[in-house]
Structure formats: structure tokens, C-alpha cells
C-alpha atoms as a PDB file:
ATOM      1  CA  MET A   1      -2.973  23.717   1.871  1.00  0.00           C
ATOM      2  CA  SER A   2      -0.314  20.765   1.638  1.00  0.00           C
ATOM      3  CA  ARG A   3       0.790  19.202  -1.466  1.00  0.00           C
ATOM      4  CA  ILE A   4       1.178  15.414  -1.217  1.00  0.00           C
ATOM      5  CA  TYR A   5       2.944  13.446  -3.946  1.00  0.00           C
ATOM      6  CA  VAL A   6       2.249   9.600  -3.551  1.00  0.00           C
ATOM      7  CA  VAL A   7       4.720   7.209  -5.377  1.00  0.00           C
ATOM      8  CA  VAL A   8       2.768   4.123  -6.006  1.00  0.00           C
ATOM      9  CA  GLU A   9       3.444   0.703  -7.324  1.00  0.00           C
ATOM     10  CA  GLY A  10       1.276   0.424 -10.164  1.00  0.00           C
ATOM     11  CA  GLN A  11      -2.502   1.455 -11.657  1.00  0.00           C
ATOM     12  CA  THR A  12      -4.213  -0.136  -8.783  1.00  0.00           C
ATOM     13  CA  GLU A  13      -2.776   1.936  -6.240  1.00  0.00           C
ATOM     14  CA  GLU A  14      -3.024   4.917  -8.562  1.00  0.00           C
ATOM     15  CA  ALA A  15      -6.685   4.351  -8.996  1.00  0.00           C
ATOM     16  CA  PHE A  16      -7.130   3.886  -5.149  1.00  0.00           C
ATOM     17  CA  VAL A  17      -5.551   7.382  -4.307  1.00  0.00           C
ATOM     18  CA  SER A  18      -7.492   9.185  -6.868  1.00  0.00           C
ATOM     19  CA  ASN A  19     -10.639   7.582  -6.398  1.00  0.00           C
ATOM     20  CA  LEU A  20     -10.749   7.290  -2.601  1.00  0.00           C
ATOM     21  CA  LEU A  21      -7.875   9.677  -0.872  1.00  0.00           C
ATOM     22  CA  VAL A  22      -8.138  12.502  -3.356  1.00  0.00           C
ATOM     23  CA  PRO A  23     -11.695  13.533  -2.938  1.00  0.00           C
ATOM     24  CA  HIS A  24     -11.611  12.951   0.973  1.00  0.00           C
ATOM     25  CA  TYR A  25      -8.414  15.029   1.645  1.00  0.00           C
ATOM     26  CA  ALA A  26      -9.333  17.628  -0.757  1.00  0.00           C
ATOM     27  CA  ARG A  27     -11.867  18.755   1.769  1.00  0.00           C
ATOM     28  CA  LEU A  28      -9.334  18.993   4.166  1.00  0.00           C
ATOM     29  CA  GLY A  29      -6.828  21.160   2.454  1.00  0.00           C
ATOM     30  CA  ARG A  30      -4.219  18.084   1.558  1.00  0.00           C
ATOM     31  CA  PHE A  31      -4.082  17.599  -2.316  1.00  0.00           C
ATOM     32  CA  PHE A  32      -2.584  14.227  -3.148  1.00  0.00           C
ATOM     33  CA  THR A  33      -1.217  13.590  -6.625  1.00  0.00           C
ATOM     34  CA  PRO A  34      -0.373   9.705  -7.195  1.00  0.00           C
ATOM     35  CA  ILE A  35       2.736   8.711  -9.287  1.00  0.00           C
ATOM     36  CA  ILE A  36       3.609   5.138 -10.391  1.00  0.00           C
ATOM     37  CA  VAL A  37       7.242   4.648 -10.427  1.00  0.00           C
ATOM     38  CA  SER A  38       9.327   4.033 -13.647  1.00  0.00           C
ATOM     39  CA  THR A  39      10.757   0.746 -14.034  1.00  0.00           C
ATOM     40  CA  SER A  40      12.448   1.401 -17.375  1.00  0.00           C
ATOM     41  CA  PRO A  41      12.172   3.770 -20.240  1.00  0.00           C
ATOM     42  CA  GLY A  42       8.550   3.837 -21.339  1.00  0.00           C
ATOM     43  CA  TYR A  43       7.587   1.177 -18.715  1.00  0.00           C
ATOM     44  CA  LYS A  44       5.850   2.084 -15.124  1.00  0.00           C
ATOM     45  CA  GLY A  45       4.909  -0.060 -12.552  1.00  0.00           C
ATOM     46  CA  GLY A  46       6.556  -2.000  -9.774  1.00  0.00           C
ATOM     47  CA  VAL A  47       8.991  -1.883  -7.137  1.00  0.00           C
ATOM     48  CA  VAL A  48      11.826  -4.411  -8.904  1.00  0.00           C
ATOM     49  CA  SER A  49      14.471  -2.724  -7.824  1.00  0.00           C
ATOM     50  CA  TYR A  50      15.298   0.005  -5.045  1.00  0.00           C
ATOM     51  CA  ALA A  51      18.079   1.420  -6.991  1.00  0.00           C
ATOM     52  CA  LYS A  52      15.592   2.492  -9.701  1.00  0.00           C
ATOM     53  CA  VAL A  53      13.360   3.969  -7.259  1.00  0.00           C
ATOM     54  CA  LYS A  54      15.351   5.930  -4.963  1.00  0.00           C
ATOM     55  CA  PRO A  55      16.549   8.546  -7.383  1.00  0.00           C
ATOM     56  CA  GLN A  56      12.884   9.102  -8.559  1.00  0.00           C
ATOM     57  CA  ILE A  57      11.860   9.698  -4.817  1.00  0.00           C
ATOM     58  CA  VAL A  58      14.851  12.092  -4.384  1.00  0.00           C
ATOM     59  CA  ARG A  59      14.161  14.066  -7.180  1.00  0.00           C
ATOM     60  CA  LEU A  60      10.492  14.621  -6.338  1.00  0.00           C
ATOM     61  CA  CYS A  61      11.205  15.673  -3.006  1.00  0.00           C
ATOM     62  CA  ARG A  62      13.843  18.202  -4.222  1.00  0.00           C
ATOM     63  CA  GLN A  63      12.086  19.438  -7.062  1.00  0.00           C
ATOM     64  CA  ASP A  64       9.152  20.779  -4.939  1.00  0.00           C
ATOM     65  CA  ALA A  65      10.424  21.261  -1.672  1.00  0.00           C
ATOM     66  CA  ASP A  66       7.188  22.754  -0.421  1.00  0.00           C
ATOM     67  CA  ALA A  67       5.635  19.664  -0.771  1.00  0.00           C
ATOM     68  CA  TRP A  68       5.735  16.116   0.733  1.00  0.00           C
ATOM     69  CA  VAL A  69       6.419  13.228  -0.712  1.00  0.00           C
ATOM     70  CA  THR A  70       5.235   9.726   0.377  1.00  0.00           C
ATOM     71  CA  THR A  71       5.048   6.165  -0.802  1.00  0.00           C
ATOM     72  CA  LEU A  72       2.245   3.166  -1.445  1.00  0.00           C
ATOM     73  CA  PHE A  73       4.412   0.208  -1.778  1.00  0.00           C
ATOM     74  CA  ASP A  74       3.741  -3.569  -0.593  1.00  0.00           C
ATOM     75  CA  LEU A  75       5.733  -4.825   1.861  1.00  0.00           C
ATOM     76  CA  TYR A  76       5.299  -8.153   0.134  1.00  0.00           C
ATOM     77  CA  ALA A  77       8.036  -9.051  -2.425  1.00  0.00           C
ATOM     78  CA  LEU A  78      10.130  -5.921  -1.705  1.00  0.00           C
ATOM     79  CA  PRO A  79      13.378  -6.281  -3.791  1.00  0.00           C
ATOM     80  CA  THR A  80      16.406  -7.683  -1.653  1.00  0.00           C
ATOM     81  CA  ASP A  81      18.121  -4.009  -2.078  1.00  0.00           C
ATOM     82  CA  PHE A  82      15.517  -2.060  -0.389  1.00  0.00           C
ATOM     83  CA  PRO A  83      16.985  -0.413   2.566  1.00  0.00           C
ATOM     84  CA  GLY A  84      17.105  -2.777   5.438  1.00  0.00           C
ATOM     85  CA  LYS A  85      15.702  -5.905   3.819  1.00  0.00           C
ATOM     86  CA  ALA A  86      18.884  -7.814   3.855  1.00  0.00           C
ATOM     87  CA  ALA A  87      20.257  -6.527   7.432  1.00  0.00           C
ATOM     88  CA  PRO A  88      20.675  -8.717   9.833  1.00  0.00           C
ATOM     89  CA  ALA A  89      18.575  -6.591  12.313  1.00  0.00           C
ATOM     90  CA  TYR A  90      15.441  -7.059  10.032  1.00  0.00           C
ATOM     91  CA  PRO A  91      12.856  -8.538  11.748  1.00  0.00           C
ATOM     92  CA  SER A  92      12.015 -11.476   9.555  1.00  0.00           C
ATOM     93  CA  ARG A  93       9.602 -13.412  12.118  1.00  0.00           C
ATOM     94  CA  ALA A  94       7.962 -10.390  13.703  1.00  0.00           C
ATOM     95  CA  ARG A  95       4.430  -9.706  12.344  1.00  0.00           C
ATOM     96  CA  GLY A  96       4.240  -7.637   9.170  1.00  0.00           C
ATOM     97  CA  SER A  97       3.418  -3.952  11.029  1.00  0.00           C
ATOM     98  CA  ALA A  98       7.002  -4.581  12.790  1.00  0.00           C
ATOM     99  CA  LYS A  99       8.445  -5.507   9.480  1.00  0.00           C
ATOM    100  CA  ALA A 100       6.947  -2.377   7.657  1.00  0.00           C
ATOM    101  CA  GLN A 101       7.957  -0.123  10.918  1.00  0.00           C
ATOM    102  CA  TYR A 102      11.541  -1.274  10.464  1.00  0.00           C
ATOM    103  CA  LEU A 103      11.978  -0.957   6.695  1.00  0.00           C
ATOM    104  CA  GLU A 104      10.220   2.413   6.775  1.00  0.00           C
ATOM    105  CA  ALA A 105      12.619   3.553   9.602  1.00  0.00           C
ATOM    106  CA  GLN A 106      15.459   2.396   7.175  1.00  0.00           C
ATOM    107  CA  LEU A 107      13.869   4.177   4.064  1.00  0.00           C
ATOM    108  CA  GLN A 108      13.430   7.397   5.922  1.00  0.00           C
ATOM    109  CA  GLN A 109      17.227   7.182   6.620  1.00  0.00           C
ATOM    110  CA  ASP A 110      18.183   6.384   3.213  1.00  0.00           C
ATOM    111  CA  ILE A 111      16.140   9.052   1.465  1.00  0.00           C
ATOM    112  CA  ALA A 112      17.220  11.747   3.945  1.00  0.00           C
ATOM    113  CA  GLU A 113      14.919  14.800   2.691  1.00  0.00           C
ATOM    114  CA  PRO A 114      12.868  16.331   5.007  1.00  0.00           C
ATOM    115  CA  ASN A 115       9.636  16.329   3.173  1.00  0.00           C
ATOM    116  CA  PHE A 116       9.666  12.748   2.837  1.00  0.00           C
ATOM    117  CA  LEU A 117       7.239  10.542   4.506  1.00  0.00           C
ATOM    118  CA  PRO A 118       7.853   6.542   3.990  1.00  0.00           C
ATOM    119  CA  ASN A 119       4.966   4.099   4.140  1.00  0.00           C
ATOM    120  CA  LEU A 120       4.489   0.310   3.082  1.00  0.00           C
ATOM    121  CA  MET A 121       1.384  -1.649   2.832  1.00  0.00           C
ATOM    122  CA  VAL A 122       1.353  -4.576   5.356  1.00  0.00           C
ATOM    123  CA  HIS A 123       1.628  -6.958   3.613  1.00  0.00           C
ATOM    124  CA  GLU A 124      -0.058  -5.892   0.203  1.00  0.00           C
ATOM    125  CA  TYR A 125      -2.571  -3.526  -1.135  1.00  0.00           C
ATOM    126  CA  GLU A 126      -5.112  -6.192  -1.219  1.00  0.00           C
ATOM    127  CA  ALA A 127      -4.905  -6.631   2.515  1.00  0.00           C
ATOM    128  CA  LEU A 128      -7.263  -3.787   2.685  1.00  0.00           C
ATOM    129  CA  LEU A 129     -10.033  -5.684   0.797  1.00  0.00           C
ATOM    130  CA  PHE A 130     -10.107  -8.272   3.527  1.00  0.00           C
ATOM    131  CA  THR A 131     -11.649  -5.719   5.612  1.00  0.00           C
ATOM    132  CA  GLN A 132     -15.121  -6.431   4.272  1.00  0.00           C
ATOM    133  CA  PRO A 133     -15.006 -10.010   2.320  1.00  0.00           C
ATOM    134  CA  ALA A 134     -18.642  -9.586   1.798  1.00  0.00           C
ATOM    135  CA  GLN A 135     -17.994  -6.785  -1.046  1.00  0.00           C
ATOM    136  CA  PHE A 136     -16.326  -9.330  -3.010  1.00  0.00           C
ATOM    137  CA  SER A 137     -20.200 -11.063  -3.824  1.00  0.00           C
ATOM    138  CA  GLN A 138     -21.120  -8.544  -6.517  1.00  0.00           C
ATOM    139  CA  TRP A 139     -17.879  -9.136  -8.536  1.00  0.00           C
ATOM    140  CA  THR A 140     -17.623 -12.903  -8.863  1.00  0.00           C
ATOM    141  CA  SER A 141     -20.069 -15.785  -9.389  1.00  0.00           C
ATOM    142  CA  ASN A 142     -18.761 -17.963  -6.744  1.00  0.00           C
ATOM    143  CA  ALA A 143     -20.745 -17.828  -3.420  1.00  0.00           C
ATOM    144  CA  GLY A 144     -17.744 -19.082  -1.642  1.00  0.00           C
ATOM    145  CA  VAL A 145     -15.428 -16.038  -1.920  1.00  0.00           C
ATOM    146  CA  PRO A 146     -16.430 -13.907   1.087  1.00  0.00           C
ATOM    147  CA  ALA A 147     -16.519 -16.788   3.552  1.00  0.00           C
ATOM    148  CA  THR A 148     -13.046 -17.916   2.406  1.00  0.00           C
ATOM    149  CA  LEU A 149     -11.614 -14.423   2.765  1.00  0.00           C
ATOM    150  CA  ALA A 150     -13.120 -14.080   5.912  1.00  0.00           C
ATOM    151  CA  ARG A 151     -11.812 -17.063   7.603  1.00  0.00           C
ATOM    152  CA  ALA A 152      -8.606 -15.850   6.578  1.00  0.00           C
ATOM    153  CA  VAL A 153      -8.843 -13.015   8.208  1.00  0.00           C
ATOM    154  CA  ALA A 154     -10.072 -14.999  11.455  1.00  0.00           C
ATOM    155  CA  GLN A 155      -7.384 -16.981  11.300  1.00  0.00           C
ATOM    156  CA  ALA A 156      -4.880 -14.082  10.995  1.00  0.00           C
ATOM    157  CA  GLY A 157      -6.488 -11.867  13.264  1.00  0.00           C
ATOM    158  CA  SER A 158      -6.523  -8.891  11.176  1.00  0.00           C
ATOM    159  CA  PRO A 159      -6.566  -8.174   7.593  1.00  0.00           C
ATOM    160  CA  GLU A 160      -2.960  -6.776   7.629  1.00  0.00           C
ATOM    161  CA  ASP A 161      -2.061  -9.917   9.338  1.00  0.00           C
ATOM    162  CA  VAL A 162      -3.025 -12.116   6.643  1.00  0.00           C
ATOM    163  CA  ASN A 163       0.691 -13.198   5.327  1.00  0.00           C
ATOM    164  CA  ASP A 164       3.087 -12.835   2.698  1.00  0.00           C
ATOM    165  CA  GLY A 165       3.685 -16.379   1.790  1.00  0.00           C
ATOM    166  CA  PRO A 166       4.132 -17.048  -2.221  1.00  0.00           C
ATOM    167  CA  HIS A 167       0.707 -18.665  -1.902  1.00  0.00           C
ATOM    168  CA  THR A 168      -0.863 -17.001   0.825  1.00  0.00           C
ATOM    169  CA  ALA A 169      -0.462 -13.252   0.481  1.00  0.00           C
ATOM    170  CA  PRO A 170      -3.576 -11.676   0.136  1.00  0.00           C
ATOM    171  CA  SER A 171      -3.829 -11.379  -3.695  1.00  0.00           C
ATOM    172  CA  LYS A 172      -2.727 -14.723  -4.078  1.00  0.00           C
ATOM    173  CA  ARG A 173      -5.639 -16.112  -1.795  1.00  0.00           C
ATOM    174  CA  ILE A 174      -8.044 -13.710  -3.754  1.00  0.00           C
ATOM    175  CA  LEU A 175      -6.983 -15.261  -7.083  1.00  0.00           C
ATOM    176  CA  ALA A 176      -7.150 -18.768  -5.696  1.00  0.00           C
ATOM    177  CA  VAL A 177     -11.006 -18.550  -5.154  1.00  0.00           C
ATOM    178  CA  MET A 178     -11.543 -15.836  -7.774  1.00  0.00           C
ATOM    179  CA  PRO A 179      -9.528 -16.331 -10.959  1.00  0.00           C
ATOM    180  CA  GLU A 180     -11.118 -13.408 -12.546  1.00  0.00           C
ATOM    181  CA  TYR A 181      -9.920 -11.011 -10.040  1.00  0.00           C
ATOM    182  CA  GLU A 182      -8.176  -8.086 -11.906  1.00  0.00           C
ATOM    183  CA  LYS A 183      -6.229  -5.984  -9.638  1.00  0.00           C
ATOM    184  CA  PRO A 184      -6.567  -2.723 -11.489  1.00  0.00           C
ATOM    185  CA  PHE A 185     -10.273  -3.034 -11.988  1.00  0.00           C
ATOM    186  CA  HIS A 186     -11.356  -4.628  -8.861  1.00  0.00           C
ATOM    187  CA  GLY A 187      -8.853  -3.516  -6.212  1.00  0.00           C
ATOM    188  CA  PRO A 188      -9.953   0.070  -6.341  1.00  0.00           C
ATOM    189  CA  LEU A 189     -13.627  -0.487  -6.782  1.00  0.00           C
ATOM    190  CA  ILE A 190     -13.775  -2.884  -3.901  1.00  0.00           C
ATOM    191  CA  ALA A 191     -11.935  -0.344  -1.488  1.00  0.00           C
ATOM    192  CA  CYS A 192     -14.412   2.404  -2.367  1.00  0.00           C
ATOM    193  CA  ASP A 193     -17.366   0.086  -1.820  1.00  0.00           C
ATOM    194  CA  ILE A 194     -15.887  -0.666   1.728  1.00  0.00           C
ATOM    195  CA  GLY A 195     -14.796   2.867   2.563  1.00  0.00           C
ATOM    196  CA  LEU A 196     -12.111   4.961   4.159  1.00  0.00           C
ATOM    197  CA  THR A 197     -13.340   4.911   7.700  1.00  0.00           C
ATOM    198  CA  ALA A 198     -13.810   1.095   7.552  1.00  0.00           C
ATOM    199  CA  LEU A 199     -10.461   0.583   6.156  1.00  0.00           C
ATOM    200  CA  ARG A 200      -8.632   2.545   8.780  1.00  0.00           C
ATOM    201  CA  GLN A 201     -10.761   0.897  11.878  1.00  0.00           C
ATOM    202  CA  ALA A 202      -9.371  -2.538  10.338  1.00  0.00           C
ATOM    203  CA  CYS A 203      -5.832  -1.778   9.075  1.00  0.00           C
ATOM    204  CA  PRO A 204      -4.030  -0.004  11.986  1.00  0.00           C
ATOM    205  CA  HIS A 205      -0.721   0.674   9.927  1.00  0.00           C
ATOM    206  CA  PHE A 206      -2.446   2.328   7.193  1.00  0.00           C
ATOM    207  CA  HIS A 207      -4.435   4.059   9.586  1.00  0.00           C
ATOM    208  CA  ALA A 208      -1.396   5.229  11.187  1.00  0.00           C
ATOM    209  CA  TRP A 209      -0.059   6.538   7.814  1.00  0.00           C
ATOM    210  CA  LEU A 210      -2.935   8.719   7.144  1.00  0.00           C
ATOM    211  CA  LEU A 211      -2.641  10.242  10.581  1.00  0.00           C
ATOM    212  CA  ALA A 212       0.849  11.060   9.408  1.00  0.00           C
ATOM    213  CA  VAL A 213      -0.410  12.521   6.553  1.00  0.00           C
ATOM    214  CA  GLU A 214      -3.173  14.431   8.303  1.00  0.00           C
ATOM    215  CA  ALA A 215      -0.555  15.842  10.903  1.00  0.00           C
ATOM    216  CA  ILE A 216       1.698  17.358   7.786  1.00  0.00           C
ATOM    217  CA  PRO A 217       1.533  21.213   8.491  1.00  0.00           C
END
């Protein structure tokens, strides 16, 4: 039996962990607990400053040394004080997975706790939803949404390669064609409709994170 705390950005990721990962991994003896980061007293959600996030991660690692702590943060729009983000060696022109791997290594080094497993979503949580654009059809009256999102995946090469520009990040693309999209509501539901197996097959970086989770003793 392994206990795993997942430090998440907000309610969307919290619901995703609770609705999809918790029941699946409970059967495998891995018990997930999502925890939304605190941004200020009385407020939760969003990695707006690494300086505010780091103490929360370190405290979790140390207060339950027999458990593991991991993260579910978006690569897109990470703050400039995030470990490695402003480093000359940051592969700014590389694919999203290479950027994420670089920053994960820097985060691992900065947290420096033996029970910490860093993870970043490439480029954004919504990238997972691009695995099966057809699943959007039941949530919108705009019949063109699935085809538009499918074209974005075809042009990028994979859901995780849909890029991270301020107008072209996965969530921005969805909102452009589906203004009624509500991240905390639609995001987890569509992911559950797609299913964990399909998400892992289409999103190799996400799959690698879960493989690491499954390797936890």
C-alpha cells in the first residue's frame, strides 16, 4: 500500500485525480490524495509564485515521510521563479516534453526530498482532452468543435504537442470554439469519458508519470 499526495493547481485537476486516478489506483494499492496549492490566506489554486508553492511541497514531504508527494502543474504559464525557467540551459525552442523534463529535473533538485516525484503537464491539463475531440460533442451545440480540435492535434502531431502560446494553448483553443467551456466542470467529465487507457496511449509524458507512480514501492 502506498500513499501519494498530488499537489494540484486547482479544482479541475483535483476533480480529475479524485474521479479518474483515485478509483483506478486504489485497486492497485496506491491511494491518491489531491491537494490544491494555497496562493494566499483563504485562497487556493494556481501556481502564481514558486516561492509560495515550494514550502507547501516540502512540508508535505516531511510531515509524512512514508508517503510520496507528486505534482500536477501545467507547463504553460509557469512563473518565472520556477526552478530552471530562467536558466540559460532551459530548452525554450524544444518540444514540450523536453521542456517539462528539464524543469522536472530542476524541481527535483530544488525540493531535494527523497519522497518527491515531480510532474508537469505538457503543455496544459486540457491537452489530455485533445486525445478524443469527439467527446466534446455532447457538451456543446457547436458541431464544429470536435473537427477544429482534431485539426489542431493533426497539425501538432499529438495532444501534448499542441503548443503553449497565449492564443494557441489547449485551453485557449477550446474556449475559442466553445466559449461555454467551464474548466472545473467539463474538464474532468470529458477526461473520464475518454478513459485512462486512451489518455496514456495518446500522451506519452503523462503516461511516463503514471509509470513512475506505479514503480513506487
